[in-house]
Amino acid sequence: MWSVFVLIFIALCLGLAAWLIFLWAVRSGQFDDMEGPKYRMLDDEEDRTGRD
């Protein structure tokens, strides 16, 4: 029975950690531009590393 309580506690701690990381990502602007990457993928500009 003791191991069930330990596993529940560990699961709750991991869930809380995942929630805090998600909140940090939202507040730091990781999800601000959801439209830009799909249009950058279609951009036909030359390679920006300087090679021809």
N, C-alpha and C. Protein backbone atom coordinates (compact mmCIF):
# COMPACT_ATOMS: atom_id res chain seq x y z
N MET A 1 0.83 -1.20 0.00
CA MET A 1 0.00 0.00 0.00
C MET A 1 0.86 1.25 0.00
N TRP A 2 1.98 1.17 0.69
CA TRP A 2 2.89 2.32 0.77
C TRP A 2 3.40 2.68 -0.62
N SER A 3 3.68 1.69 -1.46
CA SER A 3 4.21 1.96 -2.80
C SER A 3 3.19 2.66 -3.68
N VAL A 4 1.90 2.40 -3.47
CA VAL A 4 0.86 3.09 -4.24
C VAL A 4 0.86 4.57 -3.92
N PHE A 5 1.01 4.92 -2.65
CA PHE A 5 1.06 6.33 -2.26
C PHE A 5 2.29 7.02 -2.83
N VAL A 6 3.40 6.32 -2.84
CA VAL A 6 4.63 6.88 -3.39
C VAL A 6 4.48 7.11 -4.89
N LEU A 7 3.90 6.14 -5.59
CA LEU A 7 3.70 6.30 -7.04
C LEU A 7 2.72 7.42 -7.36
N ILE A 8 1.68 7.57 -6.57
CA ILE A 8 0.73 8.66 -6.78
C ILE A 8 1.42 10.00 -6.53
N PHE A 9 2.22 10.08 -5.49
CA PHE A 9 2.95 11.31 -5.20
C PHE A 9 3.91 11.66 -6.33
N ILE A 10 4.63 10.67 -6.85
CA ILE A 10 5.56 10.90 -7.96
C ILE A 10 4.80 11.35 -9.20
N ALA A 11 3.67 10.74 -9.49
CA ALA A 11 2.86 11.13 -10.65
C ALA A 11 2.36 12.57 -10.51
N LEU A 12 1.92 12.93 -9.32
CA LEU A 12 1.46 14.31 -9.11
C LEU A 12 2.59 15.31 -9.25
N CYS A 13 3.78 14.95 -8.76
CA CYS A 13 4.93 15.84 -8.90
C CYS A 13 5.33 16.02 -10.37
N LEU A 14 5.32 14.93 -11.13
CA LEU A 14 5.65 15.02 -12.56
C LEU A 14 4.60 15.82 -13.32
N GLY A 15 3.34 15.65 -12.98
CA GLY A 15 2.28 16.42 -13.63
C GLY A 15 2.41 17.90 -13.32
N LEU A 16 2.72 18.23 -12.07
CA LEU A 16 2.91 19.62 -11.70
C LEU A 16 4.12 20.22 -12.42
N ALA A 17 5.19 19.46 -12.52
CA ALA A 17 6.38 19.94 -13.23
C ALA A 17 6.07 20.19 -14.70
N ALA A 18 5.33 19.29 -15.33
CA ALA A 18 4.96 19.48 -16.74
C ALA A 18 4.09 20.72 -16.91
N TRP A 19 3.16 20.94 -15.99
CA TRP A 19 2.30 22.11 -16.06
C TRP A 19 3.11 23.40 -15.90
N LEU A 20 4.06 23.41 -14.98
CA LEU A 20 4.89 24.60 -14.78
C LEU A 20 5.77 24.88 -15.99
N ILE A 21 6.31 23.84 -16.61
CA ILE A 21 7.11 24.03 -17.82
C ILE A 21 6.24 24.57 -18.95
N PHE A 22 5.02 24.08 -19.07
CA PHE A 22 4.11 24.59 -20.09
C PHE A 22 3.78 26.06 -19.85
N LEU A 23 3.50 26.42 -18.60
CA LEU A 23 3.23 27.83 -18.30
C LEU A 23 4.43 28.71 -18.59
N TRP A 24 5.62 28.23 -18.27
CA TRP A 24 6.83 28.99 -18.58
C TRP A 24 6.97 29.20 -20.08
N ALA A 25 6.70 28.17 -20.87
CA ALA A 25 6.81 28.28 -22.33
C ALA A 25 5.80 29.27 -22.89
N VAL A 26 4.59 29.26 -22.36
CA VAL A 26 3.57 30.20 -22.84
C VAL A 26 3.95 31.63 -22.49
N ARG A 27 4.42 31.85 -21.28
CA ARG A 27 4.76 33.21 -20.84
C ARG A 27 6.02 33.74 -21.51
N SER A 28 6.92 32.85 -21.94
CA SER A 28 8.15 33.31 -22.56
C SER A 28 7.98 33.53 -24.06
N GLY A 29 6.78 33.26 -24.60
CA GLY A 29 6.50 33.57 -25.99
C GLY A 29 6.81 32.45 -26.96
N GLN A 30 6.88 31.23 -26.51
CA GLN A 30 7.19 30.12 -27.41
C GLN A 30 6.05 29.85 -28.39
N PHE A 31 4.84 30.22 -28.07
CA PHE A 31 3.69 29.93 -28.91
C PHE A 31 3.09 31.18 -29.54
N ASP A 32 3.85 32.25 -29.64
CA ASP A 32 3.30 33.50 -30.16
C ASP A 32 3.01 33.44 -31.65
N ASP A 33 3.94 32.94 -32.45
CA ASP A 33 3.78 32.94 -33.90
C ASP A 33 3.52 31.53 -34.38
N MET A 34 2.26 31.18 -34.52
CA MET A 34 1.91 29.84 -34.97
C MET A 34 1.79 29.77 -36.49
N GLU A 35 1.69 30.91 -37.18
CA GLU A 35 1.50 30.93 -38.62
C GLU A 35 2.81 31.06 -39.39
N GLY A 36 3.81 31.68 -38.80
CA GLY A 36 5.05 31.97 -39.51
C GLY A 36 5.83 30.77 -40.01
N PRO A 37 6.04 29.74 -39.22
CA PRO A 37 6.86 28.63 -39.68
C PRO A 37 6.34 27.93 -40.93
N LYS A 38 5.04 27.81 -41.08
CA LYS A 38 4.53 27.12 -42.26
C LYS A 38 4.74 27.94 -43.54
N TYR A 39 4.83 29.26 -43.42
CA TYR A 39 5.11 30.08 -44.59
C TYR A 39 6.60 30.17 -44.86
N ARG A 40 7.43 30.15 -43.82
CA ARG A 40 8.88 30.15 -44.01
C ARG A 40 9.33 28.88 -44.70
N MET A 41 8.64 27.78 -44.45
CA MET A 41 8.98 26.51 -45.06
C MET A 41 8.80 26.59 -46.58
N LEU A 42 7.85 27.37 -47.05
CA LEU A 42 7.57 27.47 -48.48
C LEU A 42 8.40 28.55 -49.17
N ASP A 43 9.18 29.30 -48.43
CA ASP A 43 9.98 30.38 -48.98
C ASP A 43 11.10 29.82 -49.84
N ASP A 44 11.26 30.35 -51.07
CA ASP A 44 12.26 29.85 -52.01
C ASP A 44 13.51 30.71 -52.05
N GLU A 45 13.84 31.41 -51.00
CA GLU A 45 15.03 32.24 -51.00
C GLU A 45 16.28 31.35 -51.05
N GLU A 46 17.39 31.98 -51.49
CA GLU A 46 18.64 31.25 -51.53
C GLU A 46 19.09 30.87 -50.12
N ASP A 47 20.01 29.93 -50.06
CA ASP A 47 20.54 29.48 -48.77
C ASP A 47 21.18 30.67 -48.07
N ARG A 48 20.88 30.88 -46.82
CA ARG A 48 21.35 32.06 -46.10
C ARG A 48 22.71 31.85 -45.46
N THR A 49 23.38 30.74 -45.74
CA THR A 49 24.69 30.50 -45.16
C THR A 49 25.81 31.11 -45.99
N GLY A 50 25.50 31.68 -47.12
CA GLY A 50 26.51 32.32 -47.95
C GLY A 50 27.02 31.46 -49.09
N ARG A 51 26.58 30.22 -49.15
CA ARG A 51 26.99 29.35 -50.25
C ARG A 51 26.13 29.61 -51.47
N ASP A 52 26.69 29.40 -52.65
CA ASP A 52 25.93 29.58 -53.91
C ASP A 52 25.34 28.30 -54.39
